[in-house]
Amino acid sequence: MVDETRVLRLLRAVTDALAPLDLEASASDDRRADAMWLPGVKYTFIAAIEACVDIAQHVCSAEGGGRRPITKLFCASDHGVPDSARMTEWRAT
């Protein structure tokens, strides 16, 4: 069963990470020239992506997809999402 509280908490983490990115999208050239600006923006972006991956993993686990080695998103193939080999086969036809 999907834990709605957990998903909402993780969605809040996504929102919290995206808010500063919205502000930084219009950063001045002087601000962007700061050596720490880009690493800070990258870290914030990664935090938002990680929260999205955590949500996907939780939903997949709760729906019986389970966790797979290498990446948490492999459970998508258990739910009808084609894998890369199948996509390559389709492109060849």
C-alpha atoms as a PDB file:
ATOM      1  CA  MET A   1       0.000   0.000   0.000  1.00  0.00           C
ATOM      2  CA  VAL A   2       1.349   3.402  -0.958  1.00  0.00           C
ATOM      3  CA  ASP A   3       2.101   5.534   2.095  1.00  0.00           C
ATOM      4  CA  GLU A   4       0.490   8.844   1.144  1.00  0.00           C
ATOM      5  CA  THR A   5       2.242  10.700   3.958  1.00  0.00           C
ATOM      6  CA  ARG A   6       5.624   9.541   2.699  1.00  0.00           C
ATOM      7  CA  VAL A   7       4.803  10.486  -0.885  1.00  0.00           C
ATOM      8  CA  LEU A   8       3.561  13.915   0.218  1.00  0.00           C
ATOM      9  CA  ARG A   9       6.741  14.448   2.254  1.00  0.00           C
ATOM     10  CA  LEU A  10       8.852  13.517  -0.757  1.00  0.00           C
ATOM     11  CA  LEU A  11       6.796  15.764  -3.038  1.00  0.00           C
ATOM     12  CA  ARG A  12       7.436  18.572  -0.565  1.00  0.00           C
ATOM     13  CA  ALA A  13      11.167  17.851  -0.911  1.00  0.00           C
ATOM     14  CA  VAL A  14      10.813  18.192  -4.688  1.00  0.00           C
ATOM     15  CA  THR A  15       8.961  21.488  -4.288  1.00  0.00           C
ATOM     16  CA  ASP A  16      11.535  22.752  -1.786  1.00  0.00           C
ATOM     17  CA  ALA A  17      14.361  21.922  -4.195  1.00  0.00           C
ATOM     18  CA  LEU A  18      12.653  23.450  -7.231  1.00  0.00           C
ATOM     19  CA  ALA A  19      11.846  26.805  -5.613  1.00  0.00           C
ATOM     20  CA  PRO A  20      15.494  27.965  -5.468  1.00  0.00           C
ATOM     21  CA  LEU A  21      16.045  26.683  -9.003  1.00  0.00           C
ATOM     22  CA  ASP A  22      13.235  28.946 -10.212  1.00  0.00           C
ATOM     23  CA  LEU A  23      14.999  31.893  -8.592  1.00  0.00           C
ATOM     24  CA  GLU A  24      18.390  30.919 -10.000  1.00  0.00           C
ATOM     25  CA  ALA A  25      16.988  30.602 -13.525  1.00  0.00           C
ATOM     26  CA  SER A  26      17.042  34.380 -13.718  1.00  0.00           C
ATOM     27  CA  ALA A  27      20.373  34.842 -11.934  1.00  0.00           C
ATOM     28  CA  SER A  28      22.527  37.685 -13.130  1.00  0.00           C
ATOM     29  CA  ASP A  29      25.776  37.137 -15.018  1.00  0.00           C
ATOM     30  CA  ASP A  30      27.678  38.320 -11.933  1.00  0.00           C
ATOM     31  CA  ARG A  31      25.984  35.699  -9.773  1.00  0.00           C
ATOM     32  CA  ARG A  32      26.610  32.983 -12.369  1.00  0.00           C
ATOM     33  CA  ALA A  33      30.281  33.955 -12.455  1.00  0.00           C
ATOM     34  CA  ASP A  34      30.607  32.861  -8.807  1.00  0.00           C
ATOM     35  CA  ALA A  35      32.602  29.617  -8.690  1.00  0.00           C
ATOM     36  CA  MET A  36      30.088  28.044  -6.287  1.00  0.00           C
ATOM     37  CA  TRP A  37      26.962  28.990  -8.247  1.00  0.00           C
ATOM     38  CA  LEU A  38      26.904  26.073 -10.708  1.00  0.00           C
ATOM     39  CA  PRO A  39      27.814  23.388  -8.136  1.00  0.00           C
ATOM     40  CA  GLY A  40      25.056  24.735  -5.877  1.00  0.00           C
ATOM     41  CA  VAL A  41      22.490  24.676  -8.658  1.00  0.00           C
ATOM     42  CA  LYS A  42      23.558  21.157  -9.675  1.00  0.00           C
ATOM     43  CA  TYR A  43      23.271  19.886  -6.097  1.00  0.00           C
ATOM     44  CA  THR A  44      19.787  21.356  -5.736  1.00  0.00           C
ATOM     45  CA  PHE A  45      18.733  19.827  -9.061  1.00  0.00           C
ATOM     46  CA  ILE A  46      20.089  16.424  -8.018  1.00  0.00           C
ATOM     47  CA  ALA A  47      18.192  16.643  -4.716  1.00  0.00           C
ATOM     48  CA  ALA A  48      14.938  17.171  -6.645  1.00  0.00           C
ATOM     49  CA  ILE A  49      15.692  14.237  -8.958  1.00  0.00           C
ATOM     50  CA  GLU A  50      16.534  11.968  -6.013  1.00  0.00           C
ATOM     51  CA  ALA A  51      13.211  12.785  -4.370  1.00  0.00           C
ATOM     52  CA  CYS A  52      11.412  11.863  -7.612  1.00  0.00           C
ATOM     53  CA  VAL A  53      13.313   8.570  -7.782  1.00  0.00           C
ATOM     54  CA  ASP A  54      12.439   7.881  -4.134  1.00  0.00           C
ATOM     55  CA  ILE A  55       8.754   8.440  -4.917  1.00  0.00           C
ATOM     56  CA  ALA A  56       8.910   6.100  -7.913  1.00  0.00           C
ATOM     57  CA  GLN A  57      10.710   3.437  -5.900  1.00  0.00           C
ATOM     58  CA  HIS A  58       8.180   3.660  -3.081  1.00  0.00           C
ATOM     59  CA  VAL A  59       5.213   3.394  -5.435  1.00  0.00           C
ATOM     60  CA  CYS A  60       6.793   0.468  -7.318  1.00  0.00           C
ATOM     61  CA  SER A  61       7.562  -1.339  -4.070  1.00  0.00           C
ATOM     62  CA  ALA A  62       4.104  -0.689  -2.673  1.00  0.00           C
ATOM     63  CA  GLU A  63       2.485  -1.987  -5.854  1.00  0.00           C
ATOM     64  CA  GLY A  64       4.523  -5.200  -5.795  1.00  0.00           C
ATOM     65  CA  GLY A  65       7.241  -4.220  -8.246  1.00  0.00           C
ATOM     66  CA  GLY A  66       9.940  -4.489  -5.638  1.00  0.00           C
ATOM     67  CA  ARG A  67      13.418  -3.040  -5.713  1.00  0.00           C
ATOM     68  CA  ARG A  68      15.899  -4.093  -8.354  1.00  0.00           C
ATOM     69  CA  PRO A  69      19.678  -3.942  -8.261  1.00  0.00           C
ATOM     70  CA  ILE A  70      21.535  -1.231 -10.205  1.00  0.00           C
ATOM     71  CA  THR A  71      18.615   1.196 -10.353  1.00  0.00           C
ATOM     72  CA  LYS A  72      15.399   1.671  -8.464  1.00  0.00           C
ATOM     73  CA  LEU A  73      13.441   2.260 -11.669  1.00  0.00           C
ATOM     74  CA  PHE A  74      13.715  -1.228 -13.176  1.00  0.00           C
ATOM     75  CA  CYS A  75      10.332  -2.028 -11.648  1.00  0.00           C
ATOM     76  CA  ALA A  76       8.737  -0.037 -14.475  1.00  0.00           C
ATOM     77  CA  SER A  77       9.277  -3.009 -16.809  1.00  0.00           C
ATOM     78  CA  ASP A  78       7.122  -5.089 -14.473  1.00  0.00           C
ATOM     79  CA  HIS A  79       4.245  -2.749 -15.215  1.00  0.00           C
ATOM     80  CA  GLY A  80       4.271  -2.809 -19.006  1.00  0.00           C
ATOM     81  CA  VAL A  81       6.979  -0.237 -19.696  1.00  0.00           C
ATOM     82  CA  PRO A  82       9.192  -1.672 -22.468  1.00  0.00           C
ATOM     83  CA  ASP A  83      12.852  -2.281 -21.711  1.00  0.00           C
ATOM     84  CA  SER A  84      15.659  -0.853 -23.861  1.00  0.00           C
ATOM     85  CA  ALA A  85      16.142  -4.105 -25.838  1.00  0.00           C
ATOM     86  CA  ARG A  86      12.480  -4.087 -26.838  1.00  0.00           C
ATOM     87  CA  MET A  87      12.667  -0.382 -27.745  1.00  0.00           C
ATOM     88  CA  THR A  88      15.733  -1.076 -29.930  1.00  0.00           C
ATOM     89  CA  GLU A  89      13.873  -3.913 -31.640  1.00  0.00           C
ATOM     90  CA  TRP A  90      10.909  -1.630 -32.335  1.00  0.00           C
ATOM     91  CA  ARG A  91      13.145   1.087 -33.788  1.00  0.00           C
ATOM     92  CA  ALA A  92      14.731  -1.418 -36.170  1.00  0.00           C
ATOM     93  CA  THR A  93      11.367  -2.314 -37.711  1.00  0.00           C
END
